[in-house]
Amino acid sequence: PQISPQDKLVLKNVISEKIENNLKNYKFDKILLDEVDAIDLALLKERRLIERTTPAYSEATELLHTTTESKSILINGNDHIKLQIAHNGLSANLLWPQISHLDDELMHIFQYAFTDQFGFLTSSLNQLGTSLKVEILLHLPAFVFTGRINQKIHQLLG
């Protein structure tokens, strides 16, 4: 059964309040996505702070992000809680401790749905388990223009 819009709003308020009260050191800014106009919504999607595939957001969806937008938490997007850390360069191995620490802090606040057999349980079978997704965004025209495309290809493959 799917969660009702009223329960989703209550859930968003509880999650947001607990994060705000327990993770003060991150100094998250809050964006209620149903109040964002189409242009700002497109900018948030372009900056990859929210899912590109979600056509509209309800009043129960909220984005918490640091001022640098390097860390963000999306509440009631495609999942109840989505953590994201972004950084320039090929530094996924440097970002792992940061996202793991944020996840550990949230696990002290919330009880995640988890089983030994399947890992973390989500509403999407694609994200069952660790639900970890690593994305690398390359601006290929810029690398071709600067003549550094071969260097980047070797860096990625090596």
C-alpha atoms as a PDB file:
ATOM      1  CA  PRO A   1       0.000   0.000   0.000  1.00  0.00           C
ATOM      2  CA  GLN A   2       1.130   3.483  -0.826  1.00  0.00           C
ATOM      3  CA  ILE A   3       1.449   6.168   1.844  1.00  0.00           C
ATOM      4  CA  SER A   4      -1.308   8.784   1.888  1.00  0.00           C
ATOM      5  CA  PRO A   5      -0.455  12.417   1.064  1.00  0.00           C
ATOM      6  CA  GLN A   6      -1.319  13.443   4.627  1.00  0.00           C
ATOM      7  CA  ASP A   7       0.928  10.767   6.136  1.00  0.00           C
ATOM      8  CA  LYS A   8       3.696  11.695   3.699  1.00  0.00           C
ATOM      9  CA  LEU A   9       3.502  15.310   4.897  1.00  0.00           C
ATOM     10  CA  VAL A  10       3.644  14.203   8.541  1.00  0.00           C
ATOM     11  CA  LEU A  11       6.608  11.956   7.724  1.00  0.00           C
ATOM     12  CA  LYS A  12       8.423  14.832   5.982  1.00  0.00           C
ATOM     13  CA  ASN A  13       7.884  17.107   8.974  1.00  0.00           C
ATOM     14  CA  VAL A  14       9.160  14.473  11.429  1.00  0.00           C
ATOM     15  CA  ILE A  15      12.236  13.648   9.340  1.00  0.00           C
ATOM     16  CA  SER A  16      13.055  17.297   8.680  1.00  0.00           C
ATOM     17  CA  GLU A  17      12.660  18.301  12.330  1.00  0.00           C
ATOM     18  CA  LYS A  18      14.816  15.425  13.581  1.00  0.00           C
ATOM     19  CA  ILE A  19      17.566  16.215  11.066  1.00  0.00           C
ATOM     20  CA  GLU A  20      17.398  19.911  11.907  1.00  0.00           C
ATOM     21  CA  ASN A  21      17.627  19.203  15.659  1.00  0.00           C
ATOM     22  CA  ASN A  22      20.312  16.509  15.496  1.00  0.00           C
ATOM     23  CA  LEU A  23      22.579  17.583  12.621  1.00  0.00           C
ATOM     24  CA  LYS A  24      22.994  21.275  13.398  1.00  0.00           C
ATOM     25  CA  ASN A  25      26.684  21.241  12.466  1.00  0.00           C
ATOM     26  CA  TYR A  26      25.766  20.852   8.761  1.00  0.00           C
ATOM     27  CA  LYS A  27      23.718  24.082   8.740  1.00  0.00           C
ATOM     28  CA  PHE A  28      21.322  22.814   6.097  1.00  0.00           C
ATOM     29  CA  ASP A  29      19.233  25.266   4.089  1.00  0.00           C
ATOM     30  CA  LYS A  30      15.688  24.076   3.462  1.00  0.00           C
ATOM     31  CA  ILE A  31      13.737  24.188   0.188  1.00  0.00           C
ATOM     32  CA  LEU A  32      10.097  23.117   0.041  1.00  0.00           C
ATOM     33  CA  LEU A  33       9.941  21.792  -3.498  1.00  0.00           C
ATOM     34  CA  ASP A  34       6.240  22.407  -4.053  1.00  0.00           C
ATOM     35  CA  GLU A  35       6.932  26.147  -3.586  1.00  0.00           C
ATOM     36  CA  VAL A  36       9.699  26.293  -6.202  1.00  0.00           C
ATOM     37  CA  ASP A  37       8.842  27.743  -9.623  1.00  0.00           C
ATOM     38  CA  ALA A  38       9.578  25.847 -12.852  1.00  0.00           C
ATOM     39  CA  ILE A  39      12.832  27.703 -13.571  1.00  0.00           C
ATOM     40  CA  ASP A  40      14.302  27.080 -10.117  1.00  0.00           C
ATOM     41  CA  LEU A  41      13.121  23.468 -10.252  1.00  0.00           C
ATOM     42  CA  ALA A  42      14.954  23.042 -13.565  1.00  0.00           C
ATOM     43  CA  LEU A  43      18.085  24.579 -11.993  1.00  0.00           C
ATOM     44  CA  LEU A  44      17.917  22.168  -9.053  1.00  0.00           C
ATOM     45  CA  LYS A  45      17.619  19.276 -11.515  1.00  0.00           C
ATOM     46  CA  GLU A  46      20.504  20.617 -13.602  1.00  0.00           C
ATOM     47  CA  ARG A  47      22.671  20.891 -10.481  1.00  0.00           C
ATOM     48  CA  ARG A  48      21.600  17.296  -9.705  1.00  0.00           C
ATOM     49  CA  LEU A  49      20.210  18.195  -6.285  1.00  0.00           C
ATOM     50  CA  ILE A  50      16.871  16.574  -7.121  1.00  0.00           C
ATOM     51  CA  GLU A  51      15.860  13.703  -9.363  1.00  0.00           C
ATOM     52  CA  ARG A  52      15.549  14.633 -13.025  1.00  0.00           C
ATOM     53  CA  THR A  53      12.872  12.006 -13.660  1.00  0.00           C
ATOM     54  CA  THR A  54      10.339  13.255 -11.121  1.00  0.00           C
ATOM     55  CA  PRO A  55       7.887  15.533 -12.966  1.00  0.00           C
ATOM     56  CA  ALA A  56       6.377  17.303  -9.929  1.00  0.00           C
ATOM     57  CA  TYR A  57       6.913  17.456  -6.192  1.00  0.00           C
ATOM     58  CA  SER A  58       4.265  17.555  -3.484  1.00  0.00           C
ATOM     59  CA  GLU A  59       4.199  19.656  -0.341  1.00  0.00           C
ATOM     60  CA  ALA A  60       5.656  16.613   1.390  1.00  0.00           C
ATOM     61  CA  THR A  61       8.972  16.842  -0.494  1.00  0.00           C
ATOM     62  CA  GLU A  62      11.840  18.868   0.906  1.00  0.00           C
ATOM     63  CA  LEU A  63      15.481  19.412   0.021  1.00  0.00           C
ATOM     64  CA  LEU A  64      18.038  20.115   2.721  1.00  0.00           C
ATOM     65  CA  HIS A  65      21.429  21.246   1.429  1.00  0.00           C
ATOM     66  CA  THR A  66      24.579  22.901   2.650  1.00  0.00           C
ATOM     67  CA  THR A  67      25.326  26.383   1.326  1.00  0.00           C
ATOM     68  CA  THR A  68      27.972  24.953  -0.998  1.00  0.00           C
ATOM     69  CA  GLU A  69      25.483  22.275  -2.163  1.00  0.00           C
ATOM     70  CA  SER A  70      28.168  19.664  -1.522  1.00  0.00           C
ATOM     71  CA  LYS A  71      25.906  17.725   0.853  1.00  0.00           C
ATOM     72  CA  SER A  72      22.170  17.321   0.503  1.00  0.00           C
ATOM     73  CA  ILE A  73      19.286  15.263   1.806  1.00  0.00           C
ATOM     74  CA  LEU A  74      16.124  14.847  -0.249  1.00  0.00           C
ATOM     75  CA  ILE A  75      13.113  13.940   1.866  1.00  0.00           C
ATOM     76  CA  ASN A  76      10.214  12.100   0.195  1.00  0.00           C
ATOM     77  CA  GLY A  77      11.600  12.168  -3.329  1.00  0.00           C
ATOM     78  CA  ASN A  78      11.591   8.689  -4.857  1.00  0.00           C
ATOM     79  CA  ASP A  79      12.609   7.350  -1.423  1.00  0.00           C
ATOM     80  CA  HIS A  80      11.930   8.654   2.075  1.00  0.00           C
ATOM     81  CA  ILE A  81      15.522   9.829   2.509  1.00  0.00           C
ATOM     82  CA  LYS A  82      18.189  10.265  -0.174  1.00  0.00           C
ATOM     83  CA  LEU A  83      21.692  11.391   0.779  1.00  0.00           C
ATOM     84  CA  GLN A  84      24.012  12.988  -1.718  1.00  0.00           C
ATOM     85  CA  ILE A  85      27.555  14.278  -1.673  1.00  0.00           C
ATOM     86  CA  ALA A  86      29.048  16.043  -4.676  1.00  0.00           C
ATOM     87  CA  HIS A  87      32.554  17.222  -5.438  1.00  0.00           C
ATOM     88  CA  ASN A  88      34.571  18.334  -8.435  1.00  0.00           C
ATOM     89  CA  GLY A  89      37.131  15.930  -9.814  1.00  0.00           C
ATOM     90  CA  LEU A  90      37.509  12.193  -9.652  1.00  0.00           C
ATOM     91  CA  SER A  91      37.361  11.903  -5.892  1.00  0.00           C
ATOM     92  CA  ALA A  92      34.778   9.208  -5.137  1.00  0.00           C
ATOM     93  CA  ASN A  93      37.200   7.482  -2.762  1.00  0.00           C
ATOM     94  CA  LEU A  94      37.560  10.744  -0.798  1.00  0.00           C
ATOM     95  CA  LEU A  95      33.796  11.232  -0.608  1.00  0.00           C
ATOM     96  CA  TRP A  96      33.019   7.790   0.802  1.00  0.00           C
ATOM     97  CA  PRO A  97      34.039   8.656   4.408  1.00  0.00           C
ATOM     98  CA  GLN A  98      31.867  11.799   4.283  1.00  0.00           C
ATOM     99  CA  ILE A  99      28.706  10.080   3.030  1.00  0.00           C
ATOM    100  CA  SER A 100      29.294   7.135   5.356  1.00  0.00           C
ATOM    101  CA  HIS A 101      29.626   9.503   8.336  1.00  0.00           C
ATOM    102  CA  LEU A 102      26.428  11.358   7.396  1.00  0.00           C
ATOM    103  CA  ASP A 103      24.654   8.019   6.971  1.00  0.00           C
ATOM    104  CA  ASP A 104      25.903   6.856  10.388  1.00  0.00           C
ATOM    105  CA  GLU A 105      24.609  10.055  11.980  1.00  0.00           C
ATOM    106  CA  LEU A 106      21.196   9.504  10.402  1.00  0.00           C
ATOM    107  CA  MET A 107      21.165   5.879  11.554  1.00  0.00           C
ATOM    108  CA  HIS A 108      21.432   7.163  15.140  1.00  0.00           C
ATOM    109  CA  ILE A 109      18.297   9.237  14.544  1.00  0.00           C
ATOM    110  CA  PHE A 110      16.225   6.865  12.380  1.00  0.00           C
ATOM    111  CA  GLN A 111      15.782   3.124  12.155  1.00  0.00           C
ATOM    112  CA  TYR A 112      16.331   2.044   8.543  1.00  0.00           C
ATOM    113  CA  ALA A 113      14.553  -0.936   7.008  1.00  0.00           C
ATOM    114  CA  PHE A 114      17.341  -3.511   6.683  1.00  0.00           C
ATOM    115  CA  THR A 115      17.685  -7.282   6.408  1.00  0.00           C
ATOM    116  CA  ASP A 116      20.828  -9.412   6.358  1.00  0.00           C
ATOM    117  CA  GLN A 117      19.607 -11.165   3.218  1.00  0.00           C
ATOM    118  CA  PHE A 118      18.733  -8.115   1.084  1.00  0.00           C
ATOM    119  CA  GLY A 119      20.432  -5.151   2.750  1.00  0.00           C
ATOM    120  CA  PHE A 120      18.562  -1.837   2.837  1.00  0.00           C
ATOM    121  CA  LEU A 121      14.940  -2.091   1.778  1.00  0.00           C
ATOM    122  CA  THR A 122      13.513   0.570  -0.491  1.00  0.00           C
ATOM    123  CA  SER A 123      10.417   1.043  -2.603  1.00  0.00           C
ATOM    124  CA  SER A 124      12.527   0.337  -5.708  1.00  0.00           C
ATOM    125  CA  LEU A 125      14.059  -3.051  -6.491  1.00  0.00           C
ATOM    126  CA  ASN A 126      16.807  -1.226  -8.409  1.00  0.00           C
ATOM    127  CA  GLN A 127      18.012   0.351  -5.181  1.00  0.00           C
ATOM    128  CA  LEU A 128      17.669  -2.672  -2.913  1.00  0.00           C
ATOM    129  CA  GLY A 129      20.818  -3.486  -0.965  1.00  0.00           C
ATOM    130  CA  THR A 130      23.290  -0.675  -0.497  1.00  0.00           C
ATOM    131  CA  SER A 131      21.318   1.693  -2.698  1.00  0.00           C
ATOM    132  CA  LEU A 132      24.680   3.282  -3.428  1.00  0.00           C
ATOM    133  CA  LYS A 133      25.050   5.043  -6.736  1.00  0.00           C
ATOM    134  CA  VAL A 134      28.259   6.719  -7.855  1.00  0.00           C
ATOM    135  CA  GLU A 135      27.980   9.147 -10.746  1.00  0.00           C
ATOM    136  CA  ILE A 136      30.762  10.854 -12.623  1.00  0.00           C
ATOM    137  CA  LEU A 137      29.778  13.777 -14.814  1.00  0.00           C
ATOM    138  CA  LEU A 138      32.178  14.695 -17.589  1.00  0.00           C
ATOM    139  CA  HIS A 139      31.874  17.730 -19.817  1.00  0.00           C
ATOM    140  CA  LEU A 140      33.187  16.016 -22.946  1.00  0.00           C
ATOM    141  CA  PRO A 141      33.109  19.052 -25.253  1.00  0.00           C
ATOM    142  CA  ALA A 142      35.357  20.927 -22.830  1.00  0.00           C
ATOM    143  CA  PHE A 143      37.855  18.057 -22.688  1.00  0.00           C
ATOM    144  CA  VAL A 144      37.914  17.795 -26.488  1.00  0.00           C
ATOM    145  CA  PHE A 145      38.302  21.569 -26.846  1.00  0.00           C
ATOM    146  CA  THR A 146      41.230  21.668 -24.402  1.00  0.00           C
ATOM    147  CA  GLY A 147      42.836  18.538 -25.912  1.00  0.00           C
ATOM    148  CA  ARG A 148      42.636  16.644 -22.619  1.00  0.00           C
ATOM    149  CA  ILE A 149      40.105  13.978 -23.641  1.00  0.00           C
ATOM    150  CA  ASN A 150      42.692  11.164 -23.992  1.00  0.00           C
ATOM    151  CA  GLN A 151      44.217  12.069 -20.633  1.00  0.00           C
ATOM    152  CA  LYS A 152      40.793  11.818 -18.952  1.00  0.00           C
ATOM    153  CA  ILE A 153      39.987   8.514 -20.663  1.00  0.00           C
ATOM    154  CA  HIS A 154      43.247   6.997 -19.393  1.00  0.00           C
ATOM    155  CA  GLN A 155      42.638   8.472 -15.942  1.00  0.00           C
ATOM    156  CA  LEU A 156      39.187   6.888 -15.768  1.00  0.00           C
ATOM    157  CA  LEU A 157      40.326   3.502 -17.064  1.00  0.00           C
ATOM    158  CA  GLY A 158      43.604   3.370 -15.149  1.00  0.00           C
END
